[in-house]
Amino acid sequence: MMVVRRTWHSLKEQFVRCLELPQDTLLDLPKVTLIGARQLQVENHRGVLEYNTHKIRINTTQGELVVDGARLRITGIFLQEMVIDGRINSVGFIR
């Protein structure tokens, strides 16, 4: 079962690349936009795992997205998009 999923995902990636289609939408990849060190927009998220004023952990299809900083707060959360404001020190993925 797992081999079939990997093969299907690999075929889907090749198809998207050949047709030059937007990968974030068709492959359900997270799209992360950092605006200065003050705002972060995350599209295609899977929910919040941890939330406090110094760290926010977000679930994505590519693993956890970790945001470290100060005075962090989620100012908008929707089905597919999230907006984080505050002083952002670092953003990274943990697989």
PDB file of N, CA and C in Angstrom:
ATOM      1  N   MET A   1       0.821  -1.192   0.000  1.00  0.00           N
ATOM      2  CA  MET A   1       0.000   0.000   0.000  1.00  0.00           C
ATOM      3  C   MET A   1       0.867   1.258   0.000  1.00  0.00           C
ATOM      4  N   MET A   2       1.927   1.282   0.824  1.00  0.00           N
ATOM      5  CA  MET A   2       2.796   2.444   0.912  1.00  0.00           C
ATOM      6  C   MET A   2       3.560   2.653  -0.396  1.00  0.00           C
ATOM      7  N   VAL A   3       3.954   1.581  -1.070  1.00  0.00           N
ATOM      8  CA  VAL A   3       4.675   1.680  -2.334  1.00  0.00           C
ATOM      9  C   VAL A   3       3.781   2.306  -3.400  1.00  0.00           C
ATOM     10  N   VAL A   4       2.510   1.945  -3.404  1.00  0.00           N
ATOM     11  CA  VAL A   4       1.564   2.499  -4.368  1.00  0.00           C
ATOM     12  C   VAL A   4       1.421   4.005  -4.154  1.00  0.00           C
ATOM     13  N   ARG A   5       1.345   4.442  -2.906  1.00  0.00           N
ATOM     14  CA  ARG A   5       1.241   5.882  -2.603  1.00  0.00           C
ATOM     15  C   ARG A   5       2.467   6.642  -3.079  1.00  0.00           C
ATOM     16  N   ARG A   6       3.656   6.091  -2.801  1.00  0.00           N
ATOM     17  CA  ARG A   6       4.895   6.751  -3.231  1.00  0.00           C
ATOM     18  C   ARG A   6       4.962   6.847  -4.746  1.00  0.00           C
ATOM     19  N   THR A   7       4.591   5.775  -5.428  1.00  0.00           N
ATOM     20  CA  THR A   7       4.608   5.777  -6.891  1.00  0.00           C
ATOM     21  C   THR A   7       3.620   6.795  -7.425  1.00  0.00           C
ATOM     22  N   TRP A   8       2.397   6.831  -6.877  1.00  0.00           N
ATOM     23  CA  TRP A   8       1.395   7.791  -7.312  1.00  0.00           C
ATOM     24  C   TRP A   8       1.878   9.219  -7.084  1.00  0.00           C
ATOM     25  N   HIS A   9       2.461   9.472  -5.911  1.00  0.00           N
ATOM     26  CA  HIS A   9       2.957  10.811  -5.604  1.00  0.00           C
ATOM     27  C   HIS A   9       4.081  11.204  -6.570  1.00  0.00           C
ATOM     28  N   SER A  10       4.974  10.284  -6.869  1.00  0.00           N
ATOM     29  CA  SER A  10       6.067  10.545  -7.794  1.00  0.00           C
ATOM     30  C   SER A  10       5.540  10.855  -9.198  1.00  0.00           C
ATOM     31  N   LEU A  11       4.549  10.097  -9.651  1.00  0.00           N
ATOM     32  CA  LEU A  11       3.947  10.359 -10.962  1.00  0.00           C
ATOM     33  C   LEU A  11       3.269  11.727 -10.993  1.00  0.00           C
ATOM     34  N   LYS A  12       2.592  12.065  -9.917  1.00  0.00           N
ATOM     35  CA  LYS A  12       1.924  13.355  -9.821  1.00  0.00           C
ATOM     36  C   LYS A  12       2.944  14.506  -9.884  1.00  0.00           C
ATOM     37  N   GLU A  13       4.069  14.349  -9.194  1.00  0.00           N
ATOM     38  CA  GLU A  13       5.129  15.365  -9.225  1.00  0.00           C
ATOM     39  C   GLU A  13       5.684  15.549 -10.632  1.00  0.00           C
ATOM     40  N   GLN A  14       5.924  14.447 -11.338  1.00  0.00           N
ATOM     41  CA  GLN A  14       6.442  14.522 -12.704  1.00  0.00           C
ATOM     42  C   GLN A  14       5.442  15.205 -13.629  1.00  0.00           C
ATOM     43  N   PHE A  15       4.178  14.883 -13.471  1.00  0.00           N
ATOM     44  CA  PHE A  15       3.120  15.472 -14.289  1.00  0.00           C
ATOM     45  C   PHE A  15       3.054  16.986 -14.071  1.00  0.00           C
ATOM     46  N   VAL A  16       3.090  17.399 -12.827  1.00  0.00           N
ATOM     47  CA  VAL A  16       3.021  18.820 -12.481  1.00  0.00           C
ATOM     48  C   VAL A  16       4.225  19.565 -13.048  1.00  0.00           C
ATOM     49  N   ARG A  17       5.425  18.972 -12.924  1.00  0.00           N
ATOM     50  CA  ARG A  17       6.634  19.606 -13.453  1.00  0.00           C
ATOM     51  C   ARG A  17       6.596  19.734 -14.970  1.00  0.00           C
ATOM     52  N   CYS A  18       6.170  18.681 -15.656  1.00  0.00           N
ATOM     53  CA  CYS A  18       6.119  18.695 -17.130  1.00  0.00           C
ATOM     54  C   CYS A  18       5.172  19.771 -17.654  1.00  0.00           C
ATOM     55  N   LEU A  19       4.045  19.937 -17.006  1.00  0.00           N
ATOM     56  CA  LEU A  19       3.055  20.916 -17.459  1.00  0.00           C
ATOM     57  C   LEU A  19       3.267  22.299 -16.845  1.00  0.00           C
ATOM     58  N   GLU A  20       4.307  22.425 -15.991  1.00  0.00           N
ATOM     59  CA  GLU A  20       4.629  23.684 -15.322  1.00  0.00           C
ATOM     60  C   GLU A  20       3.418  24.264 -14.588  1.00  0.00           C
ATOM     61  N   LEU A  21       2.751  23.401 -13.834  1.00  0.00           N
ATOM     62  CA  LEU A  21       1.598  23.804 -13.034  1.00  0.00           C
ATOM     63  C   LEU A  21       2.058  24.217 -11.636  1.00  0.00           C
ATOM     64  N   PRO A  22       1.253  24.983 -10.899  1.00  0.00           N
ATOM     65  CA  PRO A  22       1.649  25.397  -9.541  1.00  0.00           C
ATOM     66  C   PRO A  22       1.712  24.203  -8.592  1.00  0.00           C
ATOM     67  N   GLN A  23       2.916  23.903  -8.112  1.00  0.00           N
ATOM     68  CA  GLN A  23       3.121  22.727  -7.265  1.00  0.00           C
ATOM     69  C   GLN A  23       2.429  22.830  -5.921  1.00  0.00           C
ATOM     70  N   ASP A  24       2.406  24.020  -5.322  1.00  0.00           N
ATOM     71  CA  ASP A  24       1.839  24.154  -3.984  1.00  0.00           C
ATOM     72  C   ASP A  24       0.366  23.750  -3.960  1.00  0.00           C
ATOM     73  N   THR A  25      -0.376  24.074  -4.996  1.00  0.00           N
ATOM     74  CA  THR A  25      -1.804  23.770  -5.036  1.00  0.00           C
ATOM     75  C   THR A  25      -2.058  22.312  -5.391  1.00  0.00           C
ATOM     76  N   LEU A  26      -1.443  21.836  -6.443  1.00  0.00           N
ATOM     77  CA  LEU A  26      -1.737  20.492  -6.927  1.00  0.00           C
ATOM     78  C   LEU A  26      -1.120  19.383  -6.076  1.00  0.00           C
ATOM     79  N   LEU A  27      -0.009  19.653  -5.432  1.00  0.00           N
ATOM     80  CA  LEU A  27       0.640  18.636  -4.595  1.00  0.00           C
ATOM     81  C   LEU A  27       0.376  18.864  -3.112  1.00  0.00           C
ATOM     82  N   ASP A  28      -0.475  19.838  -2.783  1.00  0.00           N
ATOM     83  CA  ASP A  28      -0.824  20.169  -1.405  1.00  0.00           C
ATOM     84  C   ASP A  28       0.408  20.509  -0.565  1.00  0.00           C
ATOM     85  N   LEU A  29       1.352  21.218  -1.188  1.00  0.00           N
ATOM     86  CA  LEU A  29       2.555  21.636  -0.484  1.00  0.00           C
ATOM     87  C   LEU A  29       2.293  22.935   0.273  1.00  0.00           C
ATOM     88  N   PRO A  30       2.938  23.112   1.421  1.00  0.00           N
ATOM     89  CA  PRO A  30       2.757  24.368   2.147  1.00  0.00           C
ATOM     90  C   PRO A  30       3.438  25.512   1.402  1.00  0.00           C
ATOM     91  N   LYS A  31       2.795  26.659   1.388  1.00  0.00           N
ATOM     92  CA  LYS A  31       3.378  27.866   0.812  1.00  0.00           C
ATOM     93  C   LYS A  31       3.564  28.846   1.958  1.00  0.00           C
ATOM     94  N   VAL A  32       4.821  29.238   2.200  1.00  0.00           N
ATOM     95  CA  VAL A  32       5.169  30.078   3.329  1.00  0.00           C
ATOM     96  C   VAL A  32       5.699  31.402   2.791  1.00  0.00           C
ATOM     97  N   THR A  33       5.070  32.494   3.185  1.00  0.00           N
ATOM     98  CA  THR A  33       5.485  33.825   2.754  1.00  0.00           C
ATOM     99  C   THR A  33       5.857  34.640   3.983  1.00  0.00           C
ATOM    100  N   LEU A  34       7.111  35.074   4.033  1.00  0.00           N
ATOM    101  CA  LEU A  34       7.603  35.877   5.137  1.00  0.00           C
ATOM    102  C   LEU A  34       7.667  37.334   4.683  1.00  0.00           C
ATOM    103  N   ILE A  35       7.016  38.209   5.414  1.00  0.00           N
ATOM    104  CA  ILE A  35       7.007  39.634   5.104  1.00  0.00           C
ATOM    105  C   ILE A  35       7.856  40.327   6.164  1.00  0.00           C
ATOM    106  N   GLY A  36       9.088  40.647   5.766  1.00  0.00           N
ATOM    107  CA  GLY A  36      10.054  41.179   6.724  1.00  0.00           C
ATOM    108  C   GLY A  36      10.256  40.177   7.836  1.00  0.00           C
ATOM    109  N   ALA A  37      10.382  40.664   9.040  1.00  0.00           N
ATOM    110  CA  ALA A  37      10.463  39.783  10.208  1.00  0.00           C
ATOM    111  C   ALA A  37       9.241  40.022  11.080  1.00  0.00           C
ATOM    112  N   ARG A  38       8.127  40.465  10.434  1.00  0.00           N
ATOM    113  CA  ARG A  38       6.942  40.858  11.192  1.00  0.00           C
ATOM    114  C   ARG A  38       5.711  40.015  10.919  1.00  0.00           C
ATOM    115  N   GLN A  39       5.628  39.414   9.750  1.00  0.00           N
ATOM    116  CA  GLN A  39       4.416  38.657   9.427  1.00  0.00           C
ATOM    117  C   GLN A  39       4.773  37.427   8.594  1.00  0.00           C
ATOM    118  N   LEU A  40       4.059  36.341   8.863  1.00  0.00           N
ATOM    119  CA  LEU A  40       4.239  35.097   8.133  1.00  0.00           C
ATOM    120  C   LEU A  40       2.870  34.606   7.678  1.00  0.00           C
ATOM    121  N   GLN A  41       2.758  34.275   6.408  1.00  0.00           N
ATOM    122  CA  GLN A  41       1.526  33.705   5.873  1.00  0.00           C
ATOM    123  C   GLN A  41       1.814  32.263   5.479  1.00  0.00           C
ATOM    124  N   VAL A  42       0.964  31.350   5.930  1.00  0.00           N
ATOM    125  CA  VAL A  42       1.138  29.926   5.641  1.00  0.00           C
ATOM    126  C   VAL A  42      -0.125  29.426   4.949  1.00  0.00           C
ATOM    127  N   GLU A  43       0.047  28.912   3.742  1.00  0.00           N
ATOM    128  CA  GLU A  43      -1.074  28.320   3.011  1.00  0.00           C
ATOM    129  C   GLU A  43      -0.919  26.803   3.007  1.00  0.00           C
ATOM    130  N   ASN A  44      -2.017  26.098   2.892  1.00  0.00           N
ATOM    131  CA  ASN A  44      -2.060  24.624   2.866  1.00  0.00           C
ATOM    132  C   ASN A  44      -1.553  24.013   4.169  1.00  0.00           C
ATOM    133  N   HIS A  45      -1.940  24.595   5.304  1.00  0.00           N
ATOM    134  CA  HIS A  45      -1.549  24.038   6.602  1.00  0.00           C
ATOM    135  C   HIS A  45      -2.541  22.945   7.013  1.00  0.00           C
ATOM    136  N   ARG A  46      -2.159  22.189   8.023  1.00  0.00           N
ATOM    137  CA  ARG A  46      -3.004  21.109   8.543  1.00  0.00           C
ATOM    138  C   ARG A  46      -3.373  21.305  10.005  1.00  0.00           C
ATOM    139  N   GLY A  47      -3.209  22.523  10.508  1.00  0.00           N
ATOM    140  CA  GLY A  47      -3.594  22.797  11.887  1.00  0.00           C
ATOM    141  C   GLY A  47      -2.427  23.190  12.769  1.00  0.00           C
ATOM    142  N   VAL A  48      -2.745  23.688  13.948  1.00  0.00           N
ATOM    143  CA  VAL A  48      -1.755  24.167  14.912  1.00  0.00           C
ATOM    144  C   VAL A  48      -1.444  23.041  15.895  1.00  0.00           C
ATOM    145  N   LEU A  49      -0.151  22.796  16.125  1.00  0.00           N
ATOM    146  CA  LEU A  49       0.289  21.772  17.072  1.00  0.00           C
ATOM    147  C   LEU A  49       0.677  22.371  18.424  1.00  0.00           C
ATOM    148  N   GLU A  50       1.256  23.557  18.397  1.00  0.00           N
ATOM    149  CA  GLU A  50       1.663  24.246  19.630  1.00  0.00           C
ATOM    150  C   GLU A  50       1.544  25.741  19.380  1.00  0.00           C
ATOM    151  N   TYR A  51       1.119  26.460  20.419  1.00  0.00           N
ATOM    152  CA  TYR A  51       0.928  27.896  20.253  1.00  0.00           C
ATOM    153  C   TYR A  51       1.212  28.627  21.549  1.00  0.00           C
ATOM    154  N   ASN A  52       2.247  29.467  21.550  1.00  0.00           N
ATOM    155  CA  ASN A  52       2.480  30.406  22.637  1.00  0.00           C
ATOM    156  C   ASN A  52       3.157  31.638  22.046  1.00  0.00           C
ATOM    157  N   THR A  53       3.491  32.613  22.858  1.00  0.00           N
ATOM    158  CA  THR A  53       4.008  33.877  22.326  1.00  0.00           C
ATOM    159  C   THR A  53       5.446  33.791  21.816  1.00  0.00           C
ATOM    160  N   HIS A  54       6.129  32.657  22.060  1.00  0.00           N
ATOM    161  CA  HIS A  54       7.515  32.494  21.619  1.00  0.00           C
ATOM    162  C   HIS A  54       7.687  31.423  20.547  1.00  0.00           C
ATOM    163  N   LYS A  55       6.719  30.533  20.417  1.00  0.00           N
ATOM    164  CA  LYS A  55       6.846  29.449  19.436  1.00  0.00           C
ATOM    165  C   LYS A  55       5.472  29.022  18.943  1.00  0.00           C
ATOM    166  N   ILE A  56       5.392  28.812  17.623  1.00  0.00           N
ATOM    167  CA  ILE A  56       4.182  28.261  17.016  1.00  0.00           C
ATOM    168  C   ILE A  56       4.614  27.106  16.129  1.00  0.00           C
ATOM    169  N   ARG A  57       4.018  25.938  16.360  1.00  0.00           N
ATOM    170  CA  ARG A  57       4.276  24.753  15.536  1.00  0.00           C
ATOM    171  C   ARG A  57       3.025  24.459  14.726  1.00  0.00           C
ATOM    172  N   ILE A  58       3.213  24.284  13.412  1.00  0.00           N
ATOM    173  CA  ILE A  58       2.106  24.083  12.484  1.00  0.00           C
ATOM    174  C   ILE A  58       2.317  22.774  11.743  1.00  0.00           C
ATOM    175  N   ASN A  59       1.271  21.983  11.631  1.00  0.00           N
ATOM    176  CA  ASN A  59       1.332  20.727  10.899  1.00  0.00           C
ATOM    177  C   ASN A  59       1.150  21.000   9.404  1.00  0.00           C
ATOM    178  N   THR A  60       2.003  20.386   8.566  1.00  0.00           N
ATOM    179  CA  THR A  60       1.875  20.479   7.110  1.00  0.00           C
ATOM    180  C   THR A  60       2.137  19.106   6.511  1.00  0.00           C
ATOM    181  N   THR A  61       1.909  18.973   5.226  1.00  0.00           N
ATOM    182  CA  THR A  61       2.176  17.701   4.552  1.00  0.00           C
ATOM    183  C   THR A  61       3.667  17.400   4.472  1.00  0.00           C
ATOM    184  N   GLN A  62       4.501  18.410   4.664  1.00  0.00           N
ATOM    185  CA  GLN A  62       5.951  18.239   4.602  1.00  0.00           C
ATOM    186  C   GLN A  62       6.593  18.126   5.977  1.00  0.00           C
ATOM    187  N   GLY A  63       5.803  18.012   7.022  1.00  0.00           N
ATOM    188  CA  GLY A  63       6.309  17.940   8.385  1.00  0.00           C
ATOM    189  C   GLY A  63       5.841  19.149   9.169  1.00  0.00           C
ATOM    190  N   GLU A  64       6.513  19.396  10.284  1.00  0.00           N
ATOM    191  CA  GLU A  64       6.140  20.527  11.139  1.00  0.00           C
ATOM    192  C   GLU A  64       6.857  21.788  10.689  1.00  0.00           C
ATOM    193  N   LEU A  65       6.124  22.877  10.645  1.00  0.00           N
ATOM    194  CA  LEU A  65       6.697  24.196  10.407  1.00  0.00           C
ATOM    195  C   LEU A  65       6.796  24.861  11.772  1.00  0.00           C
ATOM    196  N   VAL A  66       8.013  25.262  12.161  1.00  0.00           N
ATOM    197  CA  VAL A  66       8.239  25.847  13.483  1.00  0.00           C
ATOM    198  C   VAL A  66       8.616  27.320  13.315  1.00  0.00           C
ATOM    199  N   VAL A  67       7.887  28.179  14.008  1.00  0.00           N
ATOM    200  CA  VAL A  67       8.133  29.617  13.992  1.00  0.00           C
ATOM    201  C   VAL A  67       8.559  30.025  15.394  1.00  0.00           C
ATOM    202  N   ASP A  68       9.762  30.602  15.513  1.00  0.00           N
ATOM    203  CA  ASP A  68      10.268  31.093  16.797  1.00  0.00           C
ATOM    204  C   ASP A  68      10.350  32.606  16.747  1.00  0.00           C
ATOM    205  N   GLY A  69      10.072  33.260  17.879  1.00  0.00           N
ATOM    206  CA  GLY A  69      10.147  34.710  17.923  1.00  0.00           C
ATOM    207  C   GLY A  69       9.666  35.253  19.252  1.00  0.00           C
ATOM    208  N   ALA A  70       9.115  36.458  19.207  1.00  0.00           N
ATOM    209  CA  ALA A  70       8.594  37.118  20.401  1.00  0.00           C
ATOM    210  C   ALA A  70       7.268  37.778  20.056  1.00  0.00           C
ATOM    211  N   ARG A  71       6.389  37.819  21.024  1.00  0.00           N
ATOM    212  CA  ARG A  71       5.057  38.411  20.838  1.00  0.00           C
ATOM    213  C   ARG A  71       4.323  37.821  19.629  1.00  0.00           C
ATOM    214  N   LEU A  72       4.507  36.531  19.391  1.00  0.00           N
ATOM    215  CA  LEU A  72       3.849  35.876  18.257  1.00  0.00           C
ATOM    216  C   LEU A  72       2.366  35.693  18.564  1.00  0.00           C
ATOM    217  N   ARG A  73       1.565  35.905  17.543  1.00  0.00           N
ATOM    218  CA  ARG A  73       0.132  35.646  17.682  1.00  0.00           C
ATOM    219  C   ARG A  73      -0.442  35.314  16.317  1.00  0.00           C
ATOM    220  N   ILE A  74      -1.413  34.456  16.317  1.00  0.00           N
ATOM    221  CA  ILE A  74      -2.124  34.101  15.093  1.00  0.00           C
ATOM    222  C   ILE A  74      -3.224  35.136  14.913  1.00  0.00           C
ATOM    223  N   THR A  75      -3.116  35.939  13.855  1.00  0.00           N
ATOM    224  CA  THR A  75      -4.097  37.001  13.630  1.00  0.00           C
ATOM    225  C   THR A  75      -5.182  36.590  12.649  1.00  0.00           C
ATOM    226  N   GLY A  76      -4.981  35.487  11.962  1.00  0.00           N
ATOM    227  CA  GLY A  76      -6.004  34.972  11.060  1.00  0.00           C
ATOM    228  C   GLY A  76      -5.781  33.496  10.829  1.00  0.00           C
ATOM    229  N   ILE A  77      -6.835  32.720  10.955  1.00  0.00           N
ATOM    230  CA  ILE A  77      -6.720  31.291  10.671  1.00  0.00           C
ATOM    231  C   ILE A  77      -7.974  30.858   9.924  1.00  0.00           C
ATOM    232  N   PHE A  78      -7.728  30.282   8.776  1.00  0.00           N
ATOM    233  CA  PHE A  78      -8.799  29.833   7.895  1.00  0.00           C
ATOM    234  C   PHE A  78      -8.522  28.391   7.513  1.00  0.00           C
ATOM    235  N   LEU A  79      -9.400  27.798   6.749  1.00  0.00           N
ATOM    236  CA  LEU A  79      -9.267  26.393   6.377  1.00  0.00           C
ATOM    237  C   LEU A  79      -7.916  26.093   5.732  1.00  0.00           C
ATOM    238  N   GLN A  80      -7.458  26.932   4.816  1.00  0.00           N
ATOM    239  CA  GLN A  80      -6.206  26.668   4.102  1.00  0.00           C
ATOM    240  C   GLN A  80      -5.114  27.700   4.360  1.00  0.00           C
ATOM    241  N   GLU A  81      -5.411  28.755   5.107  1.00  0.00           N
ATOM    242  CA  GLU A  81      -4.426  29.823   5.287  1.00  0.00           C
ATOM    243  C   GLU A  81      -4.366  30.277   6.743  1.00  0.00           C
ATOM    244  N   MET A  82      -3.154  30.679   7.146  1.00  0.00           N
ATOM    245  CA  MET A  82      -2.931  31.176   8.498  1.00  0.00           C
ATOM    246  C   MET A  82      -1.998  32.383   8.423  1.00  0.00           C
ATOM    247  N   VAL A  83      -2.234  33.392   9.273  1.00  0.00           N
ATOM    248  CA  VAL A  83      -1.391  34.581   9.319  1.00  0.00           C
ATOM    249  C   VAL A  83      -0.860  34.737  10.746  1.00  0.00           C
ATOM    250  N   ILE A  84       0.450  34.903  10.866  1.00  0.00           N
ATOM    251  CA  ILE A  84       1.111  35.053  12.156  1.00  0.00           C
ATOM    252  C   ILE A  84       1.813  36.404  12.180  1.00  0.00           C
ATOM    253  N   ASP A  85       1.600  37.165  13.247  1.00  0.00           N
ATOM    254  CA  ASP A  85       2.266  38.458  13.437  1.00  0.00           C
ATOM    255  C   ASP A  85       3.150  38.389  14.671  1.00  0.00           C
ATOM    256  N   GLY A  86       4.131  39.270  14.736  1.00  0.00           N
ATOM    257  CA  GLY A  86       5.033  39.360  15.876  1.00  0.00           C
ATOM    258  C   GLY A  86       6.449  39.586  15.389  1.00  0.00           C
ATOM    259  N   ARG A  87       7.416  39.407  16.272  1.00  0.00           N
ATOM    260  CA  ARG A  87       8.821  39.498  15.868  1.00  0.00           C
ATOM    261  C   ARG A  87       9.300  38.080  15.552  1.00  0.00           C
ATOM    262  N   ILE A  88       9.474  37.803  14.298  1.00  0.00           N
ATOM    263  CA  ILE A  88       9.836  36.447  13.849  1.00  0.00           C
ATOM    264  C   ILE A  88      11.349  36.342  13.758  1.00  0.00           C
ATOM    265  N   ASN A  89      11.911  35.415  14.540  1.00  0.00           N
ATOM    266  CA  ASN A  89      13.356  35.197  14.550  1.00  0.00           C
ATOM    267  C   ASN A  89      13.784  34.084  13.602  1.00  0.00           C
ATOM    268  N   SER A  90      12.987  33.019  13.525  1.00  0.00           N
ATOM    269  CA  SER A  90      13.331  31.915  12.638  1.00  0.00           C
ATOM    270  C   SER A  90      12.102  31.127  12.225  1.00  0.00           C
ATOM    271  N   VAL A  91      12.218  30.526  11.040  1.00  0.00           N
ATOM    272  CA  VAL A  91      11.155  29.680  10.491  1.00  0.00           C
ATOM    273  C   VAL A  91      11.846  28.460   9.907  1.00  0.00           C
ATOM    274  N   GLY A  92      11.377  27.278  10.244  1.00  0.00           N
ATOM    275  CA  GLY A  92      11.995  26.071   9.721  1.00  0.00           C
ATOM    276  C   GLY A  92      11.087  24.872   9.726  1.00  0.00           C
ATOM    277  N   PHE A  93      11.450  23.859   8.945  1.00  0.00           N
ATOM    278  CA  PHE A  93      10.705  22.614   8.872  1.00  0.00           C
ATOM    279  C   PHE A  93      11.397  21.529   9.666  1.00  0.00           C
ATOM    280  N   ILE A  94      10.615  20.710  10.346  1.00  0.00           N
ATOM    281  CA  ILE A  94      11.107  19.506  11.012  1.00  0.00           C
ATOM    282  C   ILE A  94      10.361  18.351  10.376  1.00  0.00           C
ATOM    283  N   ARG A  95      11.080  17.394   9.857  1.00  0.00           N
ATOM    284  CA  ARG A  95      10.434  16.238   9.213  1.00  0.00           C
ATOM    285  C   ARG A  95      10.324  15.084  10.167  1.00  0.00           C
TER     286      ARG A  95
END
